[in-house]
Amino acid sequence: MSTSFSSLPIVSLAALSSPSPRPEDLSKLASHLNEVFSTTGFAYLTDLPLTYTHDDVFGVCDEFFGYNGLTMDEKMKLAKKTFVPTNKNTYRGYFPPQEGDDNLKEGFELGTPSSGRSTSALVSSKFNLTEPNVFPASNTEFRVRCETLHNELQTLSSKLLSLLAVALGKSSSFFNNYLKDSLSTLRLLHYPPVPSSRQQELICTPHTDSGILTLLHQDKTGGLEVRNGEGEWIPAPYVPGSMVVNIGDLMAKVSGGKWIATYHRVRSSKKEGSDMKGRYSVPFFFEPGLDCVVESVDGDEVVYGEHLLQKMSGWVEFQDVVESVPEEMLSGRVAVEAF
């Protein structure tokens, strides 16, 4: 259980910006991350070693969800097979808001740019976890920006994993096998404004992340809250120049219970009247490969693909909800590019 805290700690990643970081700086950073994940389970990361700024990240969201972005019909051409039975993509792509569900959001998901090359037996399941990405055929620049952002966050995740290995008393290469054929997911999320006539406090219900490591870009709208050890919900608003980091259930198990997967939620913003586009959020979920054997420091093992498929059974965007999508959204499909 997390400790009693009233705000999230801030961790500088300045040491990772150097081409040859000093060992003592890396050791200090590993110790800081160990403290964070042993107490709050969440932190702000600053001095990010990324070329994409905050505005760049949410500019990508605007290209997809914004006023001059894709129409609903265009988005549904990229929708997962759950929502459009004639579409081929089962795991990557678009999902629309689920009416009547507290998780009021729409999203676009993509995996590693080289996805689609696995020969694992698990790819024959209902959801092909290694399928190629899908993108709007008319906007190649959007594809390039998405893939660049995914690559940069994957690289950052690999550096953080090296530090986390050291924090667990292991070699810095302890997590290297996680990087082979990684399934990491970049998710662009849009929480539409909640109509004033609708009484809804939460737009994302309390949950812990299921996997290894989450890196989150959030916009200035606010709403993210993290639960401390006393059961209080602590606001985690946007800090300029930062991302939020937290670990998932599987990483907590890998640490032998040393680290905490903390509950969090998103509260409905009170700013909808002045900002009618709603809220943007861009989480990056670092994920091992489909057949990766994830071993805890206690010796327990799980195959990541099996773990993921089991968790997906409870996620609303992978339920059989085709009947909830209006028929007019399903018409007029055209070709999309899959990469």
C-alpha atoms as a PDB file:
ATOM      1  CA  MET A   1       0.000   0.000   0.000  1.00  0.00           C
ATOM      2  CA  SER A   2       1.206   3.504  -0.775  1.00  0.00           C
ATOM      3  CA  THR A   3       2.259   5.854   2.009  1.00  0.00           C
ATOM      4  CA  SER A   4       0.489   9.005   3.136  1.00  0.00           C
ATOM      5  CA  PHE A   5       1.382  11.764   0.675  1.00  0.00           C
ATOM      6  CA  SER A   6      -0.193  15.066  -0.327  1.00  0.00           C
ATOM      7  CA  SER A   7       1.531  15.579  -3.687  1.00  0.00           C
ATOM      8  CA  LEU A   8       3.573  13.599  -6.182  1.00  0.00           C
ATOM      9  CA  PRO A   9       7.388  13.724  -5.969  1.00  0.00           C
ATOM     10  CA  ILE A  10       9.416  15.195  -8.819  1.00  0.00           C
ATOM     11  CA  VAL A  11      12.277  13.228 -10.383  1.00  0.00           C
ATOM     12  CA  SER A  12      14.734  14.945 -12.715  1.00  0.00           C
ATOM     13  CA  LEU A  13      16.008  12.880 -15.649  1.00  0.00           C
ATOM     14  CA  ALA A  14      18.788  15.342 -16.469  1.00  0.00           C
ATOM     15  CA  ALA A  15      21.372  12.576 -16.078  1.00  0.00           C
ATOM     16  CA  LEU A  16      19.826  10.695 -19.021  1.00  0.00           C
ATOM     17  CA  SER A  17      20.355  13.628 -21.378  1.00  0.00           C
ATOM     18  CA  SER A  18      24.114  13.194 -21.297  1.00  0.00           C
ATOM     19  CA  PRO A  19      25.674  10.906 -23.934  1.00  0.00           C
ATOM     20  CA  SER A  20      28.039   9.644 -21.197  1.00  0.00           C
ATOM     21  CA  PRO A  21      26.256  10.005 -17.853  1.00  0.00           C
ATOM     22  CA  ARG A  22      28.378   9.714 -14.732  1.00  0.00           C
ATOM     23  CA  PRO A  23      27.879   6.414 -12.851  1.00  0.00           C
ATOM     24  CA  GLU A  24      27.242   8.279  -9.604  1.00  0.00           C
ATOM     25  CA  ASP A  25      24.448  10.294 -11.261  1.00  0.00           C
ATOM     26  CA  LEU A  26      22.802   7.127 -12.562  1.00  0.00           C
ATOM     27  CA  SER A  27      23.117   5.482  -9.154  1.00  0.00           C
ATOM     28  CA  LYS A  28      21.477   8.483  -7.513  1.00  0.00           C
ATOM     29  CA  LEU A  29      18.654   8.434 -10.062  1.00  0.00           C
ATOM     30  CA  ALA A  30      18.089   4.698  -9.564  1.00  0.00           C
ATOM     31  CA  SER A  31      17.872   5.259  -5.809  1.00  0.00           C
ATOM     32  CA  HIS A  32      15.362   8.075  -6.292  1.00  0.00           C
ATOM     33  CA  LEU A  33      13.147   5.922  -8.532  1.00  0.00           C
ATOM     34  CA  ASN A  34      13.342   3.086  -5.998  1.00  0.00           C
ATOM     35  CA  GLU A  35      12.114   5.443  -3.278  1.00  0.00           C
ATOM     36  CA  VAL A  36       9.285   6.729  -5.459  1.00  0.00           C
ATOM     37  CA  PHE A  37       7.965   3.295  -6.424  1.00  0.00           C
ATOM     38  CA  SER A  38       8.269   2.055  -2.837  1.00  0.00           C
ATOM     39  CA  THR A  39       6.158   4.907  -1.429  1.00  0.00           C
ATOM     40  CA  THR A  40       3.824   6.755  -3.815  1.00  0.00           C
ATOM     41  CA  GLY A  41       4.116   4.531  -6.919  1.00  0.00           C
ATOM     42  CA  PHE A  42       3.749   7.738  -8.973  1.00  0.00           C
ATOM     43  CA  ALA A  43       6.007  10.695  -9.785  1.00  0.00           C
ATOM     44  CA  TYR A  44       6.522  13.599 -12.153  1.00  0.00           C
ATOM     45  CA  LEU A  45       9.495  13.230 -14.501  1.00  0.00           C
ATOM     46  CA  THR A  46      11.208  16.464 -15.569  1.00  0.00           C
ATOM     47  CA  ASP A  47      14.219  17.362 -17.747  1.00  0.00           C
ATOM     48  CA  LEU A  48      12.980  14.833 -20.266  1.00  0.00           C
ATOM     49  CA  PRO A  49      15.444  13.427 -22.841  1.00  0.00           C
ATOM     50  CA  LEU A  50      12.880  13.795 -25.639  1.00  0.00           C
ATOM     51  CA  THR A  51      12.764  15.922 -28.787  1.00  0.00           C
ATOM     52  CA  TYR A  52       8.960  16.160 -28.581  1.00  0.00           C
ATOM     53  CA  THR A  53       7.685  19.017 -26.448  1.00  0.00           C
ATOM     54  CA  HIS A  54       4.386  19.081 -24.593  1.00  0.00           C
ATOM     55  CA  ASP A  55       2.847  21.092 -27.457  1.00  0.00           C
ATOM     56  CA  ASP A  56       4.213  18.642 -30.038  1.00  0.00           C
ATOM     57  CA  VAL A  57       2.575  15.691 -28.278  1.00  0.00           C
ATOM     58  CA  PHE A  58      -0.830  17.310 -28.075  1.00  0.00           C
ATOM     59  CA  GLY A  59      -0.500  18.646 -31.589  1.00  0.00           C
ATOM     60  CA  VAL A  60      -0.551  14.984 -32.647  1.00  0.00           C
ATOM     61  CA  CYS A  61      -3.785  14.545 -30.665  1.00  0.00           C
ATOM     62  CA  ASP A  62      -5.295  17.568 -32.386  1.00  0.00           C
ATOM     63  CA  GLU A  63      -4.507  16.068 -35.781  1.00  0.00           C
ATOM     64  CA  PHE A  64      -6.670  13.092 -34.902  1.00  0.00           C
ATOM     65  CA  PHE A  65      -9.367  14.407 -32.515  1.00  0.00           C
ATOM     66  CA  GLY A  66      -9.341  18.181 -33.029  1.00  0.00           C
ATOM     67  CA  TYR A  67     -11.691  20.493 -34.886  1.00  0.00           C
ATOM     68  CA  ASN A  68      -9.659  20.048 -38.070  1.00  0.00           C
ATOM     69  CA  GLY A  69      -8.880  16.408 -37.383  1.00  0.00           C
ATOM     70  CA  LEU A  70     -10.631  13.270 -38.556  1.00  0.00           C
ATOM     71  CA  THR A  71     -14.407  13.076 -38.828  1.00  0.00           C
ATOM     72  CA  MET A  72     -16.177  10.296 -36.930  1.00  0.00           C
ATOM     73  CA  ASP A  73     -16.663   8.449 -40.202  1.00  0.00           C
ATOM     74  CA  GLU A  74     -12.928   8.650 -40.931  1.00  0.00           C
ATOM     75  CA  LYS A  75     -12.095   7.459 -37.414  1.00  0.00           C
ATOM     76  CA  MET A  76     -14.451   4.508 -37.708  1.00  0.00           C
ATOM     77  CA  LYS A  77     -12.560   3.380 -40.802  1.00  0.00           C
ATOM     78  CA  LEU A  78      -9.673   2.770 -38.394  1.00  0.00           C
ATOM     79  CA  ALA A  79     -11.842   1.192 -35.700  1.00  0.00           C
ATOM     80  CA  LYS A  80     -11.086  -2.192 -34.204  1.00  0.00           C
ATOM     81  CA  LYS A  81     -13.009  -5.200 -35.397  1.00  0.00           C
ATOM     82  CA  THR A  82     -14.968  -5.154 -32.130  1.00  0.00           C
ATOM     83  CA  PHE A  83     -16.713  -2.019 -33.409  1.00  0.00           C
ATOM     84  CA  VAL A  84     -16.623  -2.580 -37.171  1.00  0.00           C
ATOM     85  CA  PRO A  85     -16.850  -6.316 -37.976  1.00  0.00           C
ATOM     86  CA  THR A  86     -15.563  -5.882 -41.526  1.00  0.00           C
ATOM     87  CA  ASN A  87     -12.344  -4.196 -40.398  1.00  0.00           C
ATOM     88  CA  LYS A  88      -9.327  -6.491 -40.081  1.00  0.00           C
ATOM     89  CA  ASN A  89      -7.508  -4.848 -37.156  1.00  0.00           C
ATOM     90  CA  THR A  90      -8.388  -6.480 -33.829  1.00  0.00           C
ATOM     91  CA  TYR A  91      -5.971  -4.831 -31.387  1.00  0.00           C
ATOM     92  CA  ARG A  92      -4.550  -1.598 -32.819  1.00  0.00           C
ATOM     93  CA  GLY A  93      -6.550   1.338 -34.113  1.00  0.00           C
ATOM     94  CA  TYR A  94      -9.484   3.458 -32.962  1.00  0.00           C
ATOM     95  CA  PHE A  95     -12.157   2.908 -30.351  1.00  0.00           C
ATOM     96  CA  PRO A  96     -15.158   5.251 -29.891  1.00  0.00           C
ATOM     97  CA  PRO A  97     -16.644   6.524 -26.614  1.00  0.00           C
ATOM     98  CA  GLN A  98     -18.821   3.951 -24.859  1.00  0.00           C
ATOM     99  CA  GLU A  99     -22.148   5.548 -24.031  1.00  0.00           C
ATOM    100  CA  GLY A 100     -23.356   4.737 -20.540  1.00  0.00           C
ATOM    101  CA  ASP A 101     -19.873   3.784 -19.360  1.00  0.00           C
ATOM    102  CA  ASP A 102     -17.960   5.802 -16.766  1.00  0.00           C
ATOM    103  CA  ASN A 103     -14.791   5.546 -18.850  1.00  0.00           C
ATOM    104  CA  LEU A 104     -15.970   8.280 -21.183  1.00  0.00           C
ATOM    105  CA  LYS A 105     -13.183   8.440 -23.744  1.00  0.00           C
ATOM    106  CA  GLU A 106     -12.231   7.700 -27.327  1.00  0.00           C
ATOM    107  CA  GLY A 107      -8.785   6.568 -28.302  1.00  0.00           C
ATOM    108  CA  PHE A 108      -6.306   5.659 -31.006  1.00  0.00           C
ATOM    109  CA  GLU A 109      -3.649   3.038 -30.265  1.00  0.00           C
ATOM    110  CA  LEU A 110      -0.483   1.982 -32.032  1.00  0.00           C
ATOM    111  CA  GLY A 111       2.318  -0.422 -31.259  1.00  0.00           C
ATOM    112  CA  THR A 112       5.957  -0.726 -32.197  1.00  0.00           C
ATOM    113  CA  PRO A 113       6.405   0.454 -35.812  1.00  0.00           C
ATOM    114  CA  SER A 114       7.868  -2.952 -36.726  1.00  0.00           C
ATOM    115  CA  SER A 115       4.831  -4.836 -35.370  1.00  0.00           C
ATOM    116  CA  GLY A 116       3.432  -7.734 -37.357  1.00  0.00           C
ATOM    117  CA  ARG A 117       6.443 -10.023 -37.535  1.00  0.00           C
ATOM    118  CA  SER A 118       5.837 -12.429 -34.623  1.00  0.00           C
ATOM    119  CA  THR A 119       5.430 -16.168 -35.154  1.00  0.00           C
ATOM    120  CA  SER A 120       4.122 -16.772 -31.637  1.00  0.00           C
ATOM    121  CA  ALA A 121       1.275 -19.234 -31.227  1.00  0.00           C
ATOM    122  CA  LEU A 122      -0.617 -16.522 -29.344  1.00  0.00           C
ATOM    123  CA  VAL A 123      -1.158 -14.470 -32.524  1.00  0.00           C
ATOM    124  CA  SER A 124      -3.895 -16.897 -33.560  1.00  0.00           C
ATOM    125  CA  SER A 125      -6.092 -15.774 -30.653  1.00  0.00           C
ATOM    126  CA  LYS A 126      -9.171 -13.583 -31.064  1.00  0.00           C
ATOM    127  CA  PHE A 127      -6.956 -10.517 -30.734  1.00  0.00           C
ATOM    128  CA  ASN A 128      -3.755 -10.414 -32.779  1.00  0.00           C
ATOM    129  CA  LEU A 129      -1.442  -8.629 -30.365  1.00  0.00           C
ATOM    130  CA  THR A 130       1.346  -8.238 -32.947  1.00  0.00           C
ATOM    131  CA  GLU A 131      -0.749  -7.007 -35.865  1.00  0.00           C
ATOM    132  CA  PRO A 132       0.494  -4.030 -37.946  1.00  0.00           C
ATOM    133  CA  ASN A 133      -0.584  -0.520 -37.060  1.00  0.00           C
ATOM    134  CA  VAL A 134      -3.312   1.236 -39.030  1.00  0.00           C
ATOM    135  CA  PHE A 135      -3.177   4.893 -40.039  1.00  0.00           C
ATOM    136  CA  PRO A 136      -5.211   7.330 -42.160  1.00  0.00           C
ATOM    137  CA  ALA A 137      -4.052   6.808 -45.750  1.00  0.00           C
ATOM    138  CA  SER A 138      -4.304  10.538 -46.475  1.00  0.00           C
ATOM    139  CA  ASN A 139      -1.923  11.764 -43.735  1.00  0.00           C
ATOM    140  CA  THR A 140       1.554  10.247 -43.829  1.00  0.00           C
ATOM    141  CA  GLU A 141       2.958  13.008 -41.594  1.00  0.00           C
ATOM    142  CA  PHE A 142       0.629  11.933 -38.793  1.00  0.00           C
ATOM    143  CA  ARG A 143       2.005   8.420 -39.087  1.00  0.00           C
ATOM    144  CA  VAL A 144       5.606   9.687 -38.944  1.00  0.00           C
ATOM    145  CA  ARG A 145       4.920  11.806 -35.860  1.00  0.00           C
ATOM    146  CA  CYS A 146       3.190   8.923 -34.050  1.00  0.00           C
ATOM    147  CA  GLU A 147       5.985   6.486 -34.819  1.00  0.00           C
ATOM    148  CA  THR A 148       8.681   8.977 -33.802  1.00  0.00           C
ATOM    149  CA  LEU A 149       6.959   9.605 -30.474  1.00  0.00           C
ATOM    150  CA  HIS A 150       6.565   5.861 -29.896  1.00  0.00           C
ATOM    151  CA  ASN A 151      10.275   5.284 -30.634  1.00  0.00           C
ATOM    152  CA  GLU A 152      11.414   8.048 -28.292  1.00  0.00           C
ATOM    153  CA  LEU A 153       9.251   6.810 -25.417  1.00  0.00           C
ATOM    154  CA  GLN A 154      10.395   3.227 -25.992  1.00  0.00           C
ATOM    155  CA  THR A 155      14.019   4.376 -25.772  1.00  0.00           C
ATOM    156  CA  LEU A 156      13.304   6.301 -22.576  1.00  0.00           C
ATOM    157  CA  SER A 157      11.524   3.278 -21.105  1.00  0.00           C
ATOM    158  CA  SER A 158      14.536   1.073 -21.803  1.00  0.00           C
ATOM    159  CA  LYS A 159      16.782   3.520 -19.928  1.00  0.00           C
ATOM    160  CA  LEU A 160      14.393   3.627 -16.981  1.00  0.00           C
ATOM    161  CA  LEU A 161      14.261  -0.182 -16.899  1.00  0.00           C
ATOM    162  CA  SER A 162      18.051  -0.307 -16.624  1.00  0.00           C
ATOM    163  CA  LEU A 163      17.848   1.997 -13.608  1.00  0.00           C
ATOM    164  CA  LEU A 164      15.031  -0.032 -12.074  1.00  0.00           C
ATOM    165  CA  ALA A 165      17.087  -3.202 -12.446  1.00  0.00           C
ATOM    166  CA  VAL A 166      19.905  -1.580 -10.466  1.00  0.00           C
ATOM    167  CA  ALA A 167      17.362  -0.420  -7.860  1.00  0.00           C
ATOM    168  CA  LEU A 168      16.374  -4.082  -7.385  1.00  0.00           C
ATOM    169  CA  GLY A 169      19.991  -5.048  -6.856  1.00  0.00           C
ATOM    170  CA  LYS A 170      20.297  -6.647 -10.298  1.00  0.00           C
ATOM    171  CA  SER A 171      22.523  -6.044 -13.284  1.00  0.00           C
ATOM    172  CA  SER A 172      21.523  -3.046 -15.445  1.00  0.00           C
ATOM    173  CA  SER A 173      20.792  -5.572 -18.224  1.00  0.00           C
ATOM    174  CA  PHE A 174      18.329  -7.567 -16.084  1.00  0.00           C
ATOM    175  CA  PHE A 175      15.305  -6.394 -18.114  1.00  0.00           C
ATOM    176  CA  ASN A 176      16.926  -6.566 -21.570  1.00  0.00           C
ATOM    177  CA  ASN A 177      14.846  -9.608 -22.562  1.00  0.00           C
ATOM    178  CA  TYR A 178      11.722  -7.444 -22.134  1.00  0.00           C
ATOM    179  CA  LEU A 179      12.854  -5.321 -25.089  1.00  0.00           C
ATOM    180  CA  LYS A 180      12.810  -8.134 -27.666  1.00  0.00           C
ATOM    181  CA  ASP A 181       9.685  -7.851 -29.874  1.00  0.00           C
ATOM    182  CA  SER A 182       8.198  -5.406 -27.371  1.00  0.00           C
ATOM    183  CA  LEU A 183       4.431  -4.834 -27.561  1.00  0.00           C
ATOM    184  CA  SER A 184       4.577  -1.317 -26.091  1.00  0.00           C
ATOM    185  CA  THR A 185       1.440   0.720 -26.759  1.00  0.00           C
ATOM    186  CA  LEU A 186       1.121   4.441 -27.446  1.00  0.00           C
ATOM    187  CA  ARG A 187      -2.436   5.549 -26.792  1.00  0.00           C
ATOM    188  CA  LEU A 188      -3.863   8.915 -27.856  1.00  0.00           C
ATOM    189  CA  LEU A 189      -6.914   9.634 -25.692  1.00  0.00           C
ATOM    190  CA  HIS A 190      -9.656  12.227 -25.917  1.00  0.00           C
ATOM    191  CA  TYR A 191     -12.191  12.722 -23.155  1.00  0.00           C
ATOM    192  CA  PRO A 192     -15.061  14.670 -24.765  1.00  0.00           C
ATOM    193  CA  PRO A 193     -16.644  17.477 -22.733  1.00  0.00           C
ATOM    194  CA  VAL A 194     -19.326  16.182 -20.394  1.00  0.00           C
ATOM    195  CA  PRO A 195     -22.671  17.858 -21.218  1.00  0.00           C
ATOM    196  CA  SER A 196     -23.885  20.168 -18.452  1.00  0.00           C
ATOM    197  CA  SER A 197     -27.073  18.106 -18.274  1.00  0.00           C
ATOM    198  CA  ARG A 198     -25.074  14.989 -17.364  1.00  0.00           C
ATOM    199  CA  GLN A 199     -24.137  14.475 -13.739  1.00  0.00           C
ATOM    200  CA  GLN A 200     -20.848  12.618 -13.932  1.00  0.00           C
ATOM    201  CA  GLU A 201     -17.963  13.074 -11.515  1.00  0.00           C
ATOM    202  CA  LEU A 202     -15.533  10.593 -13.059  1.00  0.00           C
ATOM    203  CA  ILE A 203     -14.512  10.084 -16.677  1.00  0.00           C
ATOM    204  CA  CYS A 204     -12.097   7.267 -15.828  1.00  0.00           C
ATOM    205  CA  THR A 205     -12.881   5.035 -12.855  1.00  0.00           C
ATOM    206  CA  PRO A 206     -10.329   3.990 -10.176  1.00  0.00           C
ATOM    207  CA  HIS A 207      -7.858   1.387 -11.401  1.00  0.00           C
ATOM    208  CA  THR A 208      -4.258   0.246 -11.346  1.00  0.00           C
ATOM    209  CA  ASP A 209      -2.343  -0.289 -14.571  1.00  0.00           C
ATOM    210  CA  SER A 210      -1.878  -3.957 -15.362  1.00  0.00           C
ATOM    211  CA  GLY A 211       1.597  -4.085 -16.882  1.00  0.00           C
ATOM    212  CA  ILE A 212       5.156  -2.892 -16.366  1.00  0.00           C
ATOM    213  CA  LEU A 213       5.669   0.855 -16.763  1.00  0.00           C
ATOM    214  CA  THR A 214       3.452   3.780 -17.798  1.00  0.00           C
ATOM    215  CA  LEU A 215       4.656   7.172 -19.041  1.00  0.00           C
ATOM    216  CA  LEU A 216       1.904   9.786 -19.264  1.00  0.00           C
ATOM    217  CA  HIS A 217       1.622  13.108 -21.037  1.00  0.00           C
ATOM    218  CA  GLN A 218      -1.415  14.987 -19.710  1.00  0.00           C
ATOM    219  CA  ASP A 219      -2.755  18.332 -20.840  1.00  0.00           C
ATOM    220  CA  LYS A 220      -3.525  21.366 -18.717  1.00  0.00           C
ATOM    221  CA  THR A 221      -7.191  20.472 -18.222  1.00  0.00           C
ATOM    222  CA  GLY A 222      -6.456  18.484 -15.081  1.00  0.00           C
ATOM    223  CA  GLY A 223      -8.470  15.731 -13.471  1.00  0.00           C
ATOM    224  CA  LEU A 224      -5.887  13.013 -12.695  1.00  0.00           C
ATOM    225  CA  GLU A 225      -6.000  11.900  -9.055  1.00  0.00           C
ATOM    226  CA  VAL A 226      -3.869   9.343  -7.195  1.00  0.00           C
ATOM    227  CA  ARG A 227      -4.946   7.513  -4.027  1.00  0.00           C
ATOM    228  CA  ASN A 228      -2.600   7.641  -1.051  1.00  0.00           C
ATOM    229  CA  GLY A 229      -2.227   5.152   1.793  1.00  0.00           C
ATOM    230  CA  GLU A 230      -4.998   6.819   3.801  1.00  0.00           C
ATOM    231  CA  GLY A 231      -7.495   6.456   0.974  1.00  0.00           C
ATOM    232  CA  GLU A 232      -7.402  10.145   0.047  1.00  0.00           C
ATOM    233  CA  TRP A 233      -7.501  11.169  -3.615  1.00  0.00           C
ATOM    234  CA  ILE A 234      -4.585  13.508  -4.310  1.00  0.00           C
ATOM    235  CA  PRO A 235      -4.784  15.787  -7.381  1.00  0.00           C
ATOM    236  CA  ALA A 236      -1.942  15.344  -9.889  1.00  0.00           C
ATOM    237  CA  PRO A 237      -2.282  18.365 -12.200  1.00  0.00           C
ATOM    238  CA  TYR A 238       0.004  19.052 -15.119  1.00  0.00           C
ATOM    239  CA  VAL A 239       3.454  20.327 -14.154  1.00  0.00           C
ATOM    240  CA  PRO A 240       5.066  22.293 -17.024  1.00  0.00           C
ATOM    241  CA  GLY A 241       7.663  20.287 -18.920  1.00  0.00           C
ATOM    242  CA  SER A 242       6.802  17.032 -17.177  1.00  0.00           C
ATOM    243  CA  MET A 243       5.439  13.560 -17.705  1.00  0.00           C
ATOM    244  CA  VAL A 244       3.909  11.328 -15.034  1.00  0.00           C
ATOM    245  CA  VAL A 245       5.386   7.863 -14.419  1.00  0.00           C
ATOM    246  CA  ASN A 246       3.897   4.902 -12.578  1.00  0.00           C
ATOM    247  CA  ILE A 247       4.281   1.147 -12.506  1.00  0.00           C
ATOM    248  CA  GLY A 248       1.663  -1.525 -13.097  1.00  0.00           C
ATOM    249  CA  ASP A 249       0.559  -4.646 -11.252  1.00  0.00           C
ATOM    250  CA  LEU A 250       3.020  -6.885 -13.082  1.00  0.00           C
ATOM    251  CA  MET A 251       6.042  -4.728 -12.203  1.00  0.00           C
ATOM    252  CA  ALA A 252       4.917  -4.668  -8.562  1.00  0.00           C
ATOM    253  CA  LYS A 253       5.026  -8.473  -8.661  1.00  0.00           C
ATOM    254  CA  VAL A 254       8.417  -8.453 -10.404  1.00  0.00           C
ATOM    255  CA  SER A 255       9.768  -6.411  -7.468  1.00  0.00           C
ATOM    256  CA  GLY A 256       8.482  -9.012  -5.025  1.00  0.00           C
ATOM    257  CA  GLY A 257       6.004  -6.515  -3.609  1.00  0.00           C
ATOM    258  CA  LYS A 258       8.680  -3.908  -2.906  1.00  0.00           C
ATOM    259  CA  TRP A 259       7.073  -1.468  -5.327  1.00  0.00           C
ATOM    260  CA  ILE A 260       3.474  -0.290  -5.478  1.00  0.00           C
ATOM    261  CA  ALA A 261       0.929  -0.179  -8.284  1.00  0.00           C
ATOM    262  CA  THR A 262      -1.175   2.749  -7.080  1.00  0.00           C
ATOM    263  CA  TYR A 263      -4.860   3.349  -7.761  1.00  0.00           C
ATOM    264  CA  HIS A 264      -5.671   6.405  -9.862  1.00  0.00           C
ATOM    265  CA  ARG A 265      -8.686   7.930 -11.582  1.00  0.00           C
ATOM    266  CA  VAL A 266      -9.710  10.930 -13.687  1.00  0.00           C
ATOM    267  CA  ARG A 267     -12.272  13.409 -12.404  1.00  0.00           C
ATOM    268  CA  SER A 268     -14.547  15.254 -14.789  1.00  0.00           C
ATOM    269  CA  SER A 269     -13.138  18.703 -15.464  1.00  0.00           C
ATOM    270  CA  LYS A 270     -15.135  21.789 -14.506  1.00  0.00           C
ATOM    271  CA  LYS A 271     -13.693  23.700 -17.493  1.00  0.00           C
ATOM    272  CA  GLU A 272     -15.797  22.198 -20.258  1.00  0.00           C
ATOM    273  CA  GLY A 273     -17.671  25.423 -20.851  1.00  0.00           C
ATOM    274  CA  SER A 274     -14.490  27.335 -21.689  1.00  0.00           C
ATOM    275  CA  ASP A 275     -12.636  24.541 -23.487  1.00  0.00           C
ATOM    276  CA  MET A 276     -15.070  22.619 -25.632  1.00  0.00           C
ATOM    277  CA  LYS A 277     -12.501  20.187 -26.981  1.00  0.00           C
ATOM    278  CA  GLY A 278     -12.382  18.320 -23.661  1.00  0.00           C
ATOM    279  CA  ARG A 279      -9.275  16.624 -22.242  1.00  0.00           C
ATOM    280  CA  TYR A 280      -6.291  15.013 -23.977  1.00  0.00           C
ATOM    281  CA  SER A 281      -4.116  12.351 -22.416  1.00  0.00           C
ATOM    282  CA  VAL A 282      -1.282  10.355 -23.995  1.00  0.00           C
ATOM    283  CA  PRO A 283      -0.146   7.306 -22.000  1.00  0.00           C
ATOM    284  CA  PHE A 284       2.681   5.094 -23.186  1.00  0.00           C
ATOM    285  CA  PHE A 285       2.549   1.587 -21.782  1.00  0.00           C
ATOM    286  CA  PHE A 286       5.899  -0.182 -21.883  1.00  0.00           C
ATOM    287  CA  GLU A 287       5.207  -3.856 -22.569  1.00  0.00           C
ATOM    288  CA  PRO A 288       7.520  -6.870 -23.033  1.00  0.00           C
ATOM    289  CA  GLY A 289       7.269  -9.204 -26.003  1.00  0.00           C
ATOM    290  CA  LEU A 290       4.399 -11.618 -26.437  1.00  0.00           C
ATOM    291  CA  ASP A 291       6.426 -14.679 -25.422  1.00  0.00           C
ATOM    292  CA  CYS A 292       8.584 -12.927 -22.849  1.00  0.00           C
ATOM    293  CA  VAL A 293       8.791 -14.829 -19.562  1.00  0.00           C
ATOM    294  CA  VAL A 294       8.394 -12.193 -16.849  1.00  0.00           C
ATOM    295  CA  GLU A 295      10.151 -13.398 -13.710  1.00  0.00           C
ATOM    296  CA  SER A 296       9.901 -11.780 -10.288  1.00  0.00           C
ATOM    297  CA  VAL A 297      12.784 -11.481  -7.854  1.00  0.00           C
ATOM    298  CA  ASP A 298      10.997 -14.240  -5.916  1.00  0.00           C
ATOM    299  CA  GLY A 299      11.192 -16.615  -8.890  1.00  0.00           C
ATOM    300  CA  ASP A 300       7.509 -16.490  -9.943  1.00  0.00           C
ATOM    301  CA  GLU A 301       6.985 -16.508 -13.719  1.00  0.00           C
ATOM    302  CA  VAL A 302       4.298 -15.503 -16.206  1.00  0.00           C
ATOM    303  CA  VAL A 303       4.279 -15.341 -20.012  1.00  0.00           C
ATOM    304  CA  TYR A 304       3.463 -11.730 -20.867  1.00  0.00           C
ATOM    305  CA  GLY A 305       1.098 -12.472 -23.772  1.00  0.00           C
ATOM    306  CA  GLU A 306      -0.992 -14.772 -21.582  1.00  0.00           C
ATOM    307  CA  HIS A 307      -1.086 -12.141 -18.833  1.00  0.00           C
ATOM    308  CA  LEU A 308      -2.201  -9.470 -21.313  1.00  0.00           C
ATOM    309  CA  LEU A 309      -4.956 -11.552 -22.909  1.00  0.00           C
ATOM    310  CA  GLN A 310      -6.352 -12.337 -19.478  1.00  0.00           C
ATOM    311  CA  LYS A 311      -6.381  -8.645 -18.508  1.00  0.00           C
ATOM    312  CA  MET A 312      -8.006  -7.615 -21.805  1.00  0.00           C
ATOM    313  CA  SER A 313     -11.116  -9.638 -20.960  1.00  0.00           C
ATOM    314  CA  GLY A 314     -12.094  -6.875 -18.558  1.00  0.00           C
ATOM    315  CA  TRP A 315     -11.341  -3.847 -20.755  1.00  0.00           C
ATOM    316  CA  VAL A 316     -14.428  -2.207 -22.251  1.00  0.00           C
ATOM    317  CA  GLU A 317     -12.842  -1.438 -25.649  1.00  0.00           C
ATOM    318  CA  PHE A 318     -12.364  -5.157 -26.253  1.00  0.00           C
ATOM    319  CA  GLN A 319     -15.887  -6.234 -25.381  1.00  0.00           C
ATOM    320  CA  ASP A 320     -18.464  -7.217 -27.986  1.00  0.00           C
ATOM    321  CA  VAL A 321     -20.152  -3.837 -28.158  1.00  0.00           C
ATOM    322  CA  VAL A 322     -20.689  -3.518 -31.914  1.00  0.00           C
ATOM    323  CA  GLU A 323     -24.410  -3.002 -31.425  1.00  0.00           C
ATOM    324  CA  SER A 324     -23.724   0.242 -29.499  1.00  0.00           C
ATOM    325  CA  VAL A 325     -22.104   1.922 -32.520  1.00  0.00           C
ATOM    326  CA  PRO A 326     -24.580   3.831 -34.718  1.00  0.00           C
ATOM    327  CA  GLU A 327     -24.967   2.274 -38.174  1.00  0.00           C
ATOM    328  CA  GLU A 328     -24.210   5.566 -39.907  1.00  0.00           C
ATOM    329  CA  MET A 329     -20.695   5.447 -38.456  1.00  0.00           C
ATOM    330  CA  LEU A 330     -20.019   2.145 -40.167  1.00  0.00           C
ATOM    331  CA  SER A 331     -20.710   3.247 -43.742  1.00  0.00           C
ATOM    332  CA  GLY A 332     -18.462   4.608 -46.436  1.00  0.00           C
ATOM    333  CA  ARG A 333     -15.250   2.789 -45.487  1.00  0.00           C
ATOM    334  CA  VAL A 334     -12.183   3.410 -47.655  1.00  0.00           C
ATOM    335  CA  ALA A 335      -8.703   1.879 -47.678  1.00  0.00           C
ATOM    336  CA  VAL A 336      -6.285   2.660 -44.858  1.00  0.00           C
ATOM    337  CA  GLU A 337      -2.591   2.055 -44.651  1.00  0.00           C
ATOM    338  CA  ALA A 338      -1.298  -0.589 -42.242  1.00  0.00           C
ATOM    339  CA  PHE A 339       2.292  -0.218 -41.068  1.00  0.00           C
END
